[in-house]
């Protein structure tokens, strides 16, 4: 693989553009042309990149440019990293310009989170398609080390292997290689989970379903933050776009779980898109004393209410066991407890394991689904759950008890542990809060 010295980042003022550019400049030590619609926007992207690494050392390597300079920047670059709007029209427009000015052997990649890489590559000639990839960094890139590398049939396997080495050894990414399937690995699994939780919240809307589901499936179940709060972080409009794309372009056993809940559509219509607009599923506001308080959307009332109080005995016991590092009894508590709380948690854990491993080998391999969820979402990896639940046979019983399908990939699992060595020990993911 030839040395990569210069890169061009398109959409450099966006969150992913700036964050990804910081990785290229900091770890790759590349000269990076930062392209945005105006010089001021490009400089804004440089500031974001510098802030993300908390060092201005990289600033000297980052050069602000506008789209008027695109052809000149691309003709000098060894890697063109495209991070423009997540739609085919926007990406086709810039790809047409890149295709006319790229040199033979120049890598072109997109940070798309779910569009077809083969379709995006079709703009290019044979050499351009050979070197075209999806490089889906996770946000924020400097903290989340995952890179889903999405390949397509026109890629050269020898070069792909070299590129993987570069991403891992130079840019210090954890690389998960994915086939060109809707949502790839991380989003296909993560958004299935979040969307089905939203669907269930709507089913029990008379019980303050949103906050109930977020509390019952909160950090103690092995995730960085509760699922519906995560949708606010992502953006409700982005969530809907990803879920709609998967629903329209896949037909698997969980197909119905990708239908967007009505309350999410309602909030989008109100421009309540989540954290970026100040309100979404949750919102913060000042009370009469001037104190910031959090409220949650009530589906029935179609308005925000104070956070309800629930007496969740199952959750309290689970948190107590985590605090005591008693994972043996924590596992038994998860598997054998009864009641509404326990049965909901059991169902969603079983669904998560089953659905994740159903994507093997169509989307990625077993280490791929583990890496995507552990390093990309900061959730307990699927096979780490299998370790915690007592191994393959115990987990199969657990899944079947919930009426879900055992994926064929279970045949390739073995005991004692099939997680990513000790990097993703399940104990690091459970939070006693």
Foldseek 3Di string as FASTA:
>chain_A
DDQFAEEEEAPLLDQANLLVVLLCCVQVVHQYEQEDADLVSSVNSLVSSCVVVVHCPSVVSYHYDYPVCVLVRQLPGQEYEYEDDQDLVVLLVVLLSSQVRHDQNRAYEYLHQFDFQQVSQVSHDLSSLQRYWYFNAFPNNVQQQATETEHEDSHDPVVVVVVCCCSCVRSVHDYFYWYRHGSFAQRVLLLLLLLLLVVVLVVVLVVVSVLVSQVLQAQQLFFPGGSVLVQLVVWLVNSLVSLVRNLVGDDDPSSVSSDHDPLSVVQVVVVQTHPVVQHGQKHWDADPVRDIAMWGARPVVRDTDHRDDDDDPLLLVLLVCLVVVVLLVNLVSQQPDDDDSSLVSLQSLLCSLQVSCLCPPVIGHQQSNQCSCCSRRVGQRSQLNCLSNPHLVSSVVSNVVNVDDHHPCSVVDDDDGDYPPCPRNSSVRRDSD
